[in-house]
């Protein structure tokens, strides 16, 4: 069997009905654009260490990022593991490949002045959908989680917000559609306390909102992901604030939380990260100022010793 055939078999019979639509679309794109053109005509037993290492070097030379390369090889590895299960080959060699380490991307956040300007504009504007930006600034939820949010997800008595679904756009039956699905990971299903001030604002908006969705179109339907991103871009441009992607709001929340002294484990749970190490690695820059503050406090005992000597 050639790799082309294996990839089609793996996609249609062993993946399609077990993964999210957008994940399937991503896997299929990797197969069609990255794997089949170069490796597709190889027989499975011809995919040796040397062949795969040469393929890896091709990806590196084409300037793909390490995370993109890892995604491509992950798809290939899953397909070849199926080949082992089906006894088409005895071993897969993707696991033996040496990859460059992933460099954590520098994150972008809004400074205190920018955040204040954005908040003031969103809270004083007649367009109540702008409250979504404030919600994200004070809860750290992802854009898809925000757009899937219904009023039933907010307990106004306890001040708790339940995240149990997300929204995204994906190609289904040759058309792009809005899909409501389970969140990114199991850890993404979570309960987040909301501040009393934000609860008051949301109560006020709910009185005027006739839709089940917190963020809604004029027809009371869900707002699309790209549409809300354009709204955000419009606001930044109007306020003369440097353009950043929507995820910068989440980074801003996390940075603020660390600077206020929130421990990393708690923050990881609120953000819905799989483990605290992800949070620690991503926001280590924010922890530096905290470390400096703590070390200076510890250093006060040294000053005391000097005075008493």
C-alpha atoms as a PDB file:
ATOM      1  CA  UNK A   1       0.000   0.000   0.000  1.00  0.00           C
ATOM      2  CA  UNK A   2       1.178   3.516  -0.809  1.00  0.00           C
ATOM      3  CA  UNK A   3       1.085   6.339   1.725  1.00  0.00           C
ATOM      4  CA  UNK A   4      -1.592   8.129  -0.367  1.00  0.00           C
ATOM      5  CA  UNK A   5      -3.975   5.223   0.184  1.00  0.00           C
ATOM      6  CA  UNK A   6      -3.138   4.902   3.872  1.00  0.00           C
ATOM      7  CA  UNK A   7      -3.778   8.600   4.511  1.00  0.00           C
ATOM      8  CA  UNK A   8      -7.192   8.401   2.825  1.00  0.00           C
ATOM      9  CA  UNK A   9      -8.060   5.273   4.811  1.00  0.00           C
ATOM     10  CA  UNK A  10      -6.927   6.829   8.100  1.00  0.00           C
ATOM     11  CA  UNK A  11      -8.811  10.068   7.459  1.00  0.00           C
ATOM     12  CA  UNK A  12     -12.142   8.633   6.330  1.00  0.00           C
ATOM     13  CA  UNK A  13     -12.510   5.490   8.437  1.00  0.00           C
ATOM     14  CA  UNK A  14     -10.438   6.074  11.557  1.00  0.00           C
ATOM     15  CA  UNK A  15     -10.492   9.842  12.154  1.00  0.00           C
ATOM     16  CA  UNK A  16     -13.417  11.644  10.554  1.00  0.00           C
ATOM     17  CA  UNK A  17     -16.112  10.518  12.984  1.00  0.00           C
ATOM     18  CA  UNK A  18     -13.991  10.710  16.119  1.00  0.00           C
ATOM     19  CA  UNK A  19     -12.568  14.226  15.981  1.00  0.00           C
ATOM     20  CA  UNK A  20     -13.902  17.760  15.646  1.00  0.00           C
ATOM     21  CA  UNK A  21     -14.744  19.010  12.173  1.00  0.00           C
ATOM     22  CA  UNK A  22     -12.058  21.695  12.233  1.00  0.00           C
ATOM     23  CA  UNK A  23      -9.474  19.115  13.368  1.00  0.00           C
ATOM     24  CA  UNK A  24     -10.468  16.816  10.513  1.00  0.00           C
ATOM     25  CA  UNK A  25     -10.218  19.717   8.054  1.00  0.00           C
ATOM     26  CA  UNK A  26      -6.745  20.552   9.377  1.00  0.00           C
ATOM     27  CA  UNK A  27      -5.595  16.936   9.114  1.00  0.00           C
ATOM     28  CA  UNK A  28      -6.954  16.638   5.582  1.00  0.00           C
ATOM     29  CA  UNK A  29      -5.219  19.858   4.553  1.00  0.00           C
ATOM     30  CA  UNK A  30      -1.908  18.542   5.933  1.00  0.00           C
ATOM     31  CA  UNK A  31      -2.373  15.268   4.043  1.00  0.00           C
ATOM     32  CA  UNK A  32      -3.322  16.933   0.748  1.00  0.00           C
ATOM     33  CA  UNK A  33      -0.833  19.814   0.791  1.00  0.00           C
ATOM     34  CA  UNK A  34       2.141  18.648   2.859  1.00  0.00           C
ATOM     35  CA  UNK A  35       2.354  14.854   2.848  1.00  0.00           C
ATOM     36  CA  UNK A  36       0.903  13.508  -0.402  1.00  0.00           C
ATOM     37  CA  UNK A  37       2.836  15.738  -2.854  1.00  0.00           C
ATOM     38  CA  UNK A  38       6.226  14.583  -1.500  1.00  0.00           C
ATOM     39  CA  UNK A  39       5.686  11.220   0.185  1.00  0.00           C
ATOM     40  CA  UNK A  40       2.368  10.045  -1.261  1.00  0.00           C
ATOM     41  CA  UNK A  41       3.737   7.655  -3.895  1.00  0.00           C
ATOM     42  CA  UNK A  42       6.077   5.860  -1.495  1.00  0.00           C
ATOM     43  CA  UNK A  43       5.172   2.318  -0.517  1.00  0.00           C
ATOM     44  CA  UNK A  44       4.762   2.129   3.267  1.00  0.00           C
ATOM     45  CA  UNK A  45       7.827  -0.092   3.686  1.00  0.00           C
ATOM     46  CA  UNK A  46       9.884   2.500   1.784  1.00  0.00           C
ATOM     47  CA  UNK A  47       9.361   5.146   4.475  1.00  0.00           C
ATOM     48  CA  UNK A  48      12.682   4.503   6.142  1.00  0.00           C
ATOM     49  CA  UNK A  49      14.572   6.672   8.615  1.00  0.00           C
ATOM     50  CA  UNK A  50      16.610   8.207   5.796  1.00  0.00           C
ATOM     51  CA  UNK A  51      13.566   9.027   3.659  1.00  0.00           C
ATOM     52  CA  UNK A  52      11.757  10.621   6.594  1.00  0.00           C
ATOM     53  CA  UNK A  53      14.830  12.530   7.744  1.00  0.00           C
ATOM     54  CA  UNK A  54      15.208  13.948   4.218  1.00  0.00           C
ATOM     55  CA  UNK A  55      11.531  14.946   4.316  1.00  0.00           C
ATOM     56  CA  UNK A  56      12.063  16.667   7.665  1.00  0.00           C
ATOM     57  CA  UNK A  57      15.021  18.612   6.250  1.00  0.00           C
ATOM     58  CA  UNK A  58      12.817  19.707   3.340  1.00  0.00           C
ATOM     59  CA  UNK A  59      10.273  21.139   5.782  1.00  0.00           C
ATOM     60  CA  UNK A  60      13.008  22.910   7.757  1.00  0.00           C
ATOM     61  CA  UNK A  61      14.555  24.334   4.573  1.00  0.00           C
ATOM     62  CA  UNK A  62      11.123  25.579   3.498  1.00  0.00           C
ATOM     63  CA  UNK A  63      11.144  27.707   6.682  1.00  0.00           C
ATOM     64  CA  UNK A  64       8.154  26.080   8.357  1.00  0.00           C
ATOM     65  CA  UNK A  65       7.972  26.810  12.089  1.00  0.00           C
ATOM     66  CA  UNK A  66       8.794  24.004  14.512  1.00  0.00           C
ATOM     67  CA  UNK A  67       5.189  23.847  15.707  1.00  0.00           C
ATOM     68  CA  UNK A  68       3.943  23.491  12.091  1.00  0.00           C
ATOM     69  CA  UNK A  69       6.472  20.734  11.411  1.00  0.00           C
ATOM     70  CA  UNK A  70       5.408  18.934  14.587  1.00  0.00           C
ATOM     71  CA  UNK A  71       1.790  19.120  13.424  1.00  0.00           C
ATOM     72  CA  UNK A  72       2.667  17.600  10.039  1.00  0.00           C
ATOM     73  CA  UNK A  73       4.736  14.789  11.565  1.00  0.00           C
ATOM     74  CA  UNK A  74       2.022  14.100  14.148  1.00  0.00           C
ATOM     75  CA  UNK A  75      -0.464  13.380  11.333  1.00  0.00           C
ATOM     76  CA  UNK A  76       2.053  11.130   9.564  1.00  0.00           C
ATOM     77  CA  UNK A  77       2.814   9.292  12.801  1.00  0.00           C
ATOM     78  CA  UNK A  78      -0.872   8.644  13.541  1.00  0.00           C
ATOM     79  CA  UNK A  79      -1.420   7.245  10.048  1.00  0.00           C
ATOM     80  CA  UNK A  80       1.642   4.989  10.267  1.00  0.00           C
ATOM     81  CA  UNK A  81       0.559   3.716  13.688  1.00  0.00           C
ATOM     82  CA  UNK A  82      -2.657   2.611  12.017  1.00  0.00           C
ATOM     83  CA  UNK A  83      -0.539   0.791   9.417  1.00  0.00           C
ATOM     84  CA  UNK A  84       1.185  -1.086  12.264  1.00  0.00           C
ATOM     85  CA  UNK A  85      -2.181  -1.995  13.812  1.00  0.00           C
ATOM     86  CA  UNK A  86      -3.381  -3.284  10.439  1.00  0.00           C
ATOM     87  CA  UNK A  87      -0.106  -5.239  10.105  1.00  0.00           C
ATOM     88  CA  UNK A  88       0.864  -3.408   6.922  1.00  0.00           C
ATOM     89  CA  UNK A  89       4.277  -2.490   8.375  1.00  0.00           C
ATOM     90  CA  UNK A  90       6.195  -3.537  11.475  1.00  0.00           C
ATOM     91  CA  UNK A  91       7.433  -0.146  12.630  1.00  0.00           C
ATOM     92  CA  UNK A  92       7.122   3.609  12.126  1.00  0.00           C
ATOM     93  CA  UNK A  93      10.190   5.828  12.166  1.00  0.00           C
ATOM     94  CA  UNK A  94       8.638   9.256  12.691  1.00  0.00           C
ATOM     95  CA  UNK A  95       9.268   8.924  16.434  1.00  0.00           C
ATOM     96  CA  UNK A  96      13.019   8.666  15.816  1.00  0.00           C
ATOM     97  CA  UNK A  97      13.319  12.027  14.034  1.00  0.00           C
ATOM     98  CA  UNK A  98      15.178  14.849  15.781  1.00  0.00           C
ATOM     99  CA  UNK A  99      13.326  18.155  15.834  1.00  0.00           C
ATOM    100  CA  UNK A 100      14.527  21.629  16.789  1.00  0.00           C
ATOM    101  CA  UNK A 101      12.977  22.812  20.054  1.00  0.00           C
ATOM    102  CA  UNK A 102       9.978  25.131  19.921  1.00  0.00           C
ATOM    103  CA  UNK A 103      10.683  28.704  20.928  1.00  0.00           C
ATOM    104  CA  UNK A 104       7.835  30.206  22.923  1.00  0.00           C
ATOM    105  CA  UNK A 105       6.413  33.111  20.947  1.00  0.00           C
ATOM    106  CA  UNK A 106       6.596  36.510  22.560  1.00  0.00           C
ATOM    107  CA  UNK A 107       3.104  37.368  23.682  1.00  0.00           C
ATOM    108  CA  UNK A 108       1.421  40.708  23.109  1.00  0.00           C
ATOM    109  CA  UNK A 109      -0.558  42.458  25.843  1.00  0.00           C
ATOM    110  CA  UNK A 110      -2.330  45.771  26.331  1.00  0.00           C
ATOM    111  CA  UNK A 111      -0.773  48.105  28.865  1.00  0.00           C
ATOM    112  CA  UNK A 112      -2.856  49.566  31.691  1.00  0.00           C
ATOM    113  CA  UNK A 113      -3.618  52.806  29.830  1.00  0.00           C
ATOM    114  CA  UNK A 114      -4.715  50.979  26.666  1.00  0.00           C
ATOM    115  CA  UNK A 115      -6.882  48.601  28.661  1.00  0.00           C
ATOM    116  CA  UNK A 116      -8.572  51.490  30.444  1.00  0.00           C
ATOM    117  CA  UNK A 117      -9.320  53.251  27.132  1.00  0.00           C
ATOM    118  CA  UNK A 118     -10.745  50.055  25.605  1.00  0.00           C
ATOM    119  CA  UNK A 119     -12.895  49.300  28.655  1.00  0.00           C
ATOM    120  CA  UNK A 120     -14.299  52.833  28.868  1.00  0.00           C
ATOM    121  CA  UNK A 121     -15.220  52.828  25.183  1.00  0.00           C
ATOM    122  CA  UNK A 122     -16.872  49.395  25.342  1.00  0.00           C
ATOM    123  CA  UNK A 123     -18.844  50.154  28.516  1.00  0.00           C
ATOM    124  CA  UNK A 124     -20.115  53.559  27.365  1.00  0.00           C
ATOM    125  CA  UNK A 125     -20.995  52.527  23.803  1.00  0.00           C
ATOM    126  CA  UNK A 126     -24.608  51.805  22.879  1.00  0.00           C
ATOM    127  CA  UNK A 127     -23.581  48.556  21.163  1.00  0.00           C
ATOM    128  CA  UNK A 128     -23.958  46.028  23.971  1.00  0.00           C
ATOM    129  CA  UNK A 129     -21.979  43.395  22.065  1.00  0.00           C
ATOM    130  CA  UNK A 130     -18.853  45.315  23.032  1.00  0.00           C
ATOM    131  CA  UNK A 131     -19.288  43.909  26.540  1.00  0.00           C
ATOM    132  CA  UNK A 132     -17.719  40.719  25.198  1.00  0.00           C
ATOM    133  CA  UNK A 133     -14.323  42.398  25.129  1.00  0.00           C
ATOM    134  CA  UNK A 134     -14.707  43.406  28.787  1.00  0.00           C
ATOM    135  CA  UNK A 135     -15.804  39.877  29.712  1.00  0.00           C
ATOM    136  CA  UNK A 136     -12.627  38.487  28.145  1.00  0.00           C
ATOM    137  CA  UNK A 137     -10.449  41.109  29.848  1.00  0.00           C
ATOM    138  CA  UNK A 138     -11.762  40.000  33.254  1.00  0.00           C
ATOM    139  CA  UNK A 139     -12.151  36.227  32.754  1.00  0.00           C
ATOM    140  CA  UNK A 140      -9.513  35.307  30.169  1.00  0.00           C
ATOM    141  CA  UNK A 141     -11.917  33.170  28.145  1.00  0.00           C
ATOM    142  CA  UNK A 142     -11.172  32.446  24.475  1.00  0.00           C
ATOM    143  CA  UNK A 143     -13.063  34.125  21.632  1.00  0.00           C
ATOM    144  CA  UNK A 144     -14.873  30.924  20.652  1.00  0.00           C
ATOM    145  CA  UNK A 145     -15.945  30.400  24.264  1.00  0.00           C
ATOM    146  CA  UNK A 146     -17.263  33.957  24.432  1.00  0.00           C
ATOM    147  CA  UNK A 147     -19.341  33.647  21.260  1.00  0.00           C
ATOM    148  CA  UNK A 148     -20.898  30.341  22.383  1.00  0.00           C
ATOM    149  CA  UNK A 149     -21.812  31.850  25.766  1.00  0.00           C
ATOM    150  CA  UNK A 150     -25.504  31.810  26.690  1.00  0.00           C
ATOM    151  CA  UNK A 151     -27.193  33.567  29.594  1.00  0.00           C
ATOM    152  CA  UNK A 152     -27.808  30.150  31.171  1.00  0.00           C
ATOM    153  CA  UNK A 153     -24.043  29.818  31.556  1.00  0.00           C
ATOM    154  CA  UNK A 154     -24.000  32.723  34.018  1.00  0.00           C
ATOM    155  CA  UNK A 155     -25.267  32.156  37.559  1.00  0.00           C
ATOM    156  CA  UNK A 156     -26.112  35.657  38.753  1.00  0.00           C
ATOM    157  CA  UNK A 157     -26.710  34.470  42.319  1.00  0.00           C
ATOM    158  CA  UNK A 158     -23.328  32.836  42.836  1.00  0.00           C
ATOM    159  CA  UNK A 159     -21.400  34.984  40.347  1.00  0.00           C
ATOM    160  CA  UNK A 160     -20.072  31.934  38.511  1.00  0.00           C
ATOM    161  CA  UNK A 161     -19.511  31.552  34.772  1.00  0.00           C
ATOM    162  CA  UNK A 162     -19.574  28.029  33.300  1.00  0.00           C
ATOM    163  CA  UNK A 163     -17.527  27.327  30.176  1.00  0.00           C
ATOM    164  CA  UNK A 164     -18.773  24.127  28.553  1.00  0.00           C
ATOM    165  CA  UNK A 165     -18.767  24.853  24.807  1.00  0.00           C
ATOM    166  CA  UNK A 166     -17.011  26.794  22.104  1.00  0.00           C
ATOM    167  CA  UNK A 167     -17.864  28.133  18.665  1.00  0.00           C
ATOM    168  CA  UNK A 168     -15.787  28.013  15.501  1.00  0.00           C
ATOM    169  CA  UNK A 169     -16.177  28.211  11.749  1.00  0.00           C
ATOM    170  CA  UNK A 170     -15.512  25.062   9.728  1.00  0.00           C
ATOM    171  CA  UNK A 171     -16.153  23.712   6.259  1.00  0.00           C
ATOM    172  CA  UNK A 172     -19.047  21.271   6.316  1.00  0.00           C
ATOM    173  CA  UNK A 173     -20.702  19.914   3.167  1.00  0.00           C
ATOM    174  CA  UNK A 174     -18.625  22.314   1.047  1.00  0.00           C
ATOM    175  CA  UNK A 175     -19.873  25.341   3.036  1.00  0.00           C
ATOM    176  CA  UNK A 176     -18.374  27.211   5.958  1.00  0.00           C
ATOM    177  CA  UNK A 177     -20.693  27.036   8.945  1.00  0.00           C
ATOM    178  CA  UNK A 178     -20.656  28.094  12.587  1.00  0.00           C
ATOM    179  CA  UNK A 179     -20.181  25.024  14.762  1.00  0.00           C
ATOM    180  CA  UNK A 180     -20.855  24.818  18.500  1.00  0.00           C
ATOM    181  CA  UNK A 181     -18.740  22.068  20.027  1.00  0.00           C
ATOM    182  CA  UNK A 182     -17.051  20.975  23.222  1.00  0.00           C
ATOM    183  CA  UNK A 183     -14.191  23.226  24.352  1.00  0.00           C
ATOM    184  CA  UNK A 184     -10.584  22.767  23.260  1.00  0.00           C
ATOM    185  CA  UNK A 185      -9.663  20.184  25.948  1.00  0.00           C
ATOM    186  CA  UNK A 186     -11.258  18.520  28.990  1.00  0.00           C
ATOM    187  CA  UNK A 187      -9.536  21.111  31.193  1.00  0.00           C
ATOM    188  CA  UNK A 188     -11.236  23.835  29.135  1.00  0.00           C
ATOM    189  CA  UNK A 189     -14.555  22.814  30.694  1.00  0.00           C
ATOM    190  CA  UNK A 190     -14.426  24.960  33.826  1.00  0.00           C
ATOM    191  CA  UNK A 191     -16.198  27.337  36.199  1.00  0.00           C
ATOM    192  CA  UNK A 192     -14.872  30.883  36.552  1.00  0.00           C
ATOM    193  CA  UNK A 193     -15.847  33.328  39.326  1.00  0.00           C
ATOM    194  CA  UNK A 194     -16.906  36.731  37.969  1.00  0.00           C
ATOM    195  CA  UNK A 195     -16.323  39.981  39.848  1.00  0.00           C
ATOM    196  CA  UNK A 196     -19.360  41.657  41.443  1.00  0.00           C
ATOM    197  CA  UNK A 197     -18.942  44.741  39.253  1.00  0.00           C
ATOM    198  CA  UNK A 198     -19.023  42.680  36.056  1.00  0.00           C
ATOM    199  CA  UNK A 199     -22.080  40.765  37.296  1.00  0.00           C
ATOM    200  CA  UNK A 200     -23.934  44.078  37.772  1.00  0.00           C
ATOM    201  CA  UNK A 201     -23.111  45.173  34.223  1.00  0.00           C
ATOM    202  CA  UNK A 202     -24.191  41.825  32.756  1.00  0.00           C
ATOM    203  CA  UNK A 203     -27.480  41.916  34.698  1.00  0.00           C
ATOM    204  CA  UNK A 204     -28.233  45.293  33.200  1.00  0.00           C
ATOM    205  CA  UNK A 205     -27.490  44.107  29.657  1.00  0.00           C
ATOM    206  CA  UNK A 206     -29.531  40.912  30.083  1.00  0.00           C
ATOM    207  CA  UNK A 207     -32.671  42.981  30.695  1.00  0.00           C
ATOM    208  CA  UNK A 208     -32.415  44.412  27.170  1.00  0.00           C
ATOM    209  CA  UNK A 209     -31.121  41.258  25.464  1.00  0.00           C
ATOM    210  CA  UNK A 210     -33.852  39.048  24.003  1.00  0.00           C
ATOM    211  CA  UNK A 211     -31.480  36.377  22.699  1.00  0.00           C
ATOM    212  CA  UNK A 212     -30.218  33.308  24.541  1.00  0.00           C
ATOM    213  CA  UNK A 213     -26.698  34.360  23.521  1.00  0.00           C
ATOM    214  CA  UNK A 214     -24.756  36.975  25.463  1.00  0.00           C
ATOM    215  CA  UNK A 215     -23.166  38.224  22.216  1.00  0.00           C
ATOM    216  CA  UNK A 216     -25.802  38.307  19.496  1.00  0.00           C
ATOM    217  CA  UNK A 217     -26.662  39.520  16.011  1.00  0.00           C
ATOM    218  CA  UNK A 218     -29.676  41.723  15.278  1.00  0.00           C
ATOM    219  CA  UNK A 219     -31.570  38.514  14.487  1.00  0.00           C
ATOM    220  CA  UNK A 220     -30.727  37.139  17.942  1.00  0.00           C
ATOM    221  CA  UNK A 221     -28.346  34.533  16.476  1.00  0.00           C
ATOM    222  CA  UNK A 222     -24.719  33.776  17.265  1.00  0.00           C
ATOM    223  CA  UNK A 223     -22.087  36.217  16.067  1.00  0.00           C
ATOM    224  CA  UNK A 224     -19.419  34.674  13.843  1.00  0.00           C
ATOM    225  CA  UNK A 225     -15.810  34.428  14.955  1.00  0.00           C
ATOM    226  CA  UNK A 226     -14.404  36.485  12.099  1.00  0.00           C
ATOM    227  CA  UNK A 227     -17.164  39.078  12.425  1.00  0.00           C
ATOM    228  CA  UNK A 228     -16.338  39.734  16.083  1.00  0.00           C
ATOM    229  CA  UNK A 229     -12.627  39.911  15.324  1.00  0.00           C
ATOM    230  CA  UNK A 230     -13.401  42.611  12.753  1.00  0.00           C
ATOM    231  CA  UNK A 231     -15.391  44.463  15.425  1.00  0.00           C
ATOM    232  CA  UNK A 232     -12.370  44.313  17.717  1.00  0.00           C
ATOM    233  CA  UNK A 233     -10.057  45.554  14.939  1.00  0.00           C
ATOM    234  CA  UNK A 234     -12.461  48.438  14.288  1.00  0.00           C
ATOM    235  CA  UNK A 235     -12.442  49.448  17.976  1.00  0.00           C
ATOM    236  CA  UNK A 236      -8.644  49.442  18.183  1.00  0.00           C
ATOM    237  CA  UNK A 237      -8.378  51.525  15.025  1.00  0.00           C
ATOM    238  CA  UNK A 238     -10.971  54.004  16.274  1.00  0.00           C
ATOM    239  CA  UNK A 239      -9.164  54.363  19.597  1.00  0.00           C
ATOM    240  CA  UNK A 240      -5.794  54.722  17.847  1.00  0.00           C
ATOM    241  CA  UNK A 241      -4.401  51.689  19.678  1.00  0.00           C
ATOM    242  CA  UNK A 242      -1.847  49.444  17.994  1.00  0.00           C
ATOM    243  CA  UNK A 243      -3.513  46.522  16.226  1.00  0.00           C
ATOM    244  CA  UNK A 244      -3.280  43.179  18.023  1.00  0.00           C
ATOM    245  CA  UNK A 245      -5.114  39.900  17.611  1.00  0.00           C
ATOM    246  CA  UNK A 246      -8.043  39.058  19.870  1.00  0.00           C
ATOM    247  CA  UNK A 247      -5.982  36.532  21.828  1.00  0.00           C
ATOM    248  CA  UNK A 248      -3.980  39.464  23.234  1.00  0.00           C
ATOM    249  CA  UNK A 249      -6.955  40.097  25.529  1.00  0.00           C
ATOM    250  CA  UNK A 250      -6.465  36.655  27.078  1.00  0.00           C
ATOM    251  CA  UNK A 251      -2.744  37.338  27.475  1.00  0.00           C
ATOM    252  CA  UNK A 252      -3.554  40.684  29.104  1.00  0.00           C
ATOM    253  CA  UNK A 253      -5.867  39.007  31.627  1.00  0.00           C
ATOM    254  CA  UNK A 254      -3.228  36.400  32.511  1.00  0.00           C
ATOM    255  CA  UNK A 255      -0.492  38.998  32.881  1.00  0.00           C
ATOM    256  CA  UNK A 256      -2.692  41.170  35.118  1.00  0.00           C
ATOM    257  CA  UNK A 257      -3.617  38.141  37.261  1.00  0.00           C
ATOM    258  CA  UNK A 258       0.032  37.199  37.844  1.00  0.00           C
ATOM    259  CA  UNK A 259       1.017  40.785  38.627  1.00  0.00           C
ATOM    260  CA  UNK A 260      -1.768  40.906  41.243  1.00  0.00           C
ATOM    261  CA  UNK A 261      -0.320  37.800  42.894  1.00  0.00           C
ATOM    262  CA  UNK A 262      -2.560  34.989  41.565  1.00  0.00           C
ATOM    263  CA  UNK A 263      -0.742  31.667  41.828  1.00  0.00           C
ATOM    264  CA  UNK A 264       0.040  29.840  38.588  1.00  0.00           C
ATOM    265  CA  UNK A 265      -2.060  26.729  39.357  1.00  0.00           C
ATOM    266  CA  UNK A 266      -5.194  28.815  39.953  1.00  0.00           C
ATOM    267  CA  UNK A 267      -4.546  30.839  36.808  1.00  0.00           C
ATOM    268  CA  UNK A 268      -4.037  27.649  34.779  1.00  0.00           C
ATOM    269  CA  UNK A 269      -7.449  26.372  35.947  1.00  0.00           C
ATOM    270  CA  UNK A 270      -9.168  29.653  35.077  1.00  0.00           C
ATOM    271  CA  UNK A 271      -7.543  29.743  31.634  1.00  0.00           C
ATOM    272  CA  UNK A 272      -8.360  26.080  31.006  1.00  0.00           C
ATOM    273  CA  UNK A 273      -4.755  25.066  30.371  1.00  0.00           C
ATOM    274  CA  UNK A 274      -3.985  21.340  30.389  1.00  0.00           C
ATOM    275  CA  UNK A 275      -1.343  21.837  33.076  1.00  0.00           C
ATOM    276  CA  UNK A 276       0.288  24.659  35.027  1.00  0.00           C
ATOM    277  CA  UNK A 277       3.597  24.276  33.132  1.00  0.00           C
ATOM    278  CA  UNK A 278       1.950  25.708  30.000  1.00  0.00           C
ATOM    279  CA  UNK A 279       0.916  28.768  32.009  1.00  0.00           C
ATOM    280  CA  UNK A 280       4.311  29.032  33.683  1.00  0.00           C
ATOM    281  CA  UNK A 281       6.235  28.870  30.391  1.00  0.00           C
ATOM    282  CA  UNK A 282       3.919  31.267  28.577  1.00  0.00           C
ATOM    283  CA  UNK A 283       3.821  33.976  31.211  1.00  0.00           C
ATOM    284  CA  UNK A 284       7.299  33.700  32.713  1.00  0.00           C
ATOM    285  CA  UNK A 285       7.951  37.308  31.581  1.00  0.00           C
ATOM    286  CA  UNK A 286       5.191  38.476  33.923  1.00  0.00           C
ATOM    287  CA  UNK A 287       6.628  36.465  36.781  1.00  0.00           C
ATOM    288  CA  UNK A 288       9.956  38.306  36.524  1.00  0.00           C
ATOM    289  CA  UNK A 289       8.606  41.482  38.148  1.00  0.00           C
ATOM    290  CA  UNK A 290       6.978  39.320  40.833  1.00  0.00           C
ATOM    291  CA  UNK A 291      10.303  37.544  41.433  1.00  0.00           C
ATOM    292  CA  UNK A 292      12.119  40.872  41.722  1.00  0.00           C
ATOM    293  CA  UNK A 293       9.547  42.126  44.234  1.00  0.00           C
ATOM    294  CA  UNK A 294       9.807  38.950  46.320  1.00  0.00           C
ATOM    295  CA  UNK A 295      13.616  39.002  46.264  1.00  0.00           C
ATOM    296  CA  UNK A 296      13.665  42.633  47.385  1.00  0.00           C
ATOM    297  CA  UNK A 297      11.355  41.769  50.265  1.00  0.00           C
ATOM    298  CA  UNK A 298      13.668  38.927  51.251  1.00  0.00           C
ATOM    299  CA  UNK A 299      16.580  41.345  50.939  1.00  0.00           C
ATOM    300  CA  UNK A 300      15.132  43.593  53.651  1.00  0.00           C
ATOM    301  CA  UNK A 301      16.498  41.216  56.279  1.00  0.00           C
ATOM    302  CA  UNK A 302      19.975  41.908  54.878  1.00  0.00           C
ATOM    303  CA  UNK A 303      19.414  45.640  55.372  1.00  0.00           C
ATOM    304  CA  UNK A 304      18.327  44.943  58.917  1.00  0.00           C
ATOM    305  CA  UNK A 305      21.557  43.008  59.577  1.00  0.00           C
ATOM    306  CA  UNK A 306      23.671  45.867  58.144  1.00  0.00           C
ATOM    307  CA  UNK A 307      21.904  48.430  60.378  1.00  0.00           C
ATOM    308  CA  UNK A 308      22.410  46.294  63.448  1.00  0.00           C
ATOM    309  CA  UNK A 309      26.100  45.566  62.766  1.00  0.00           C
END
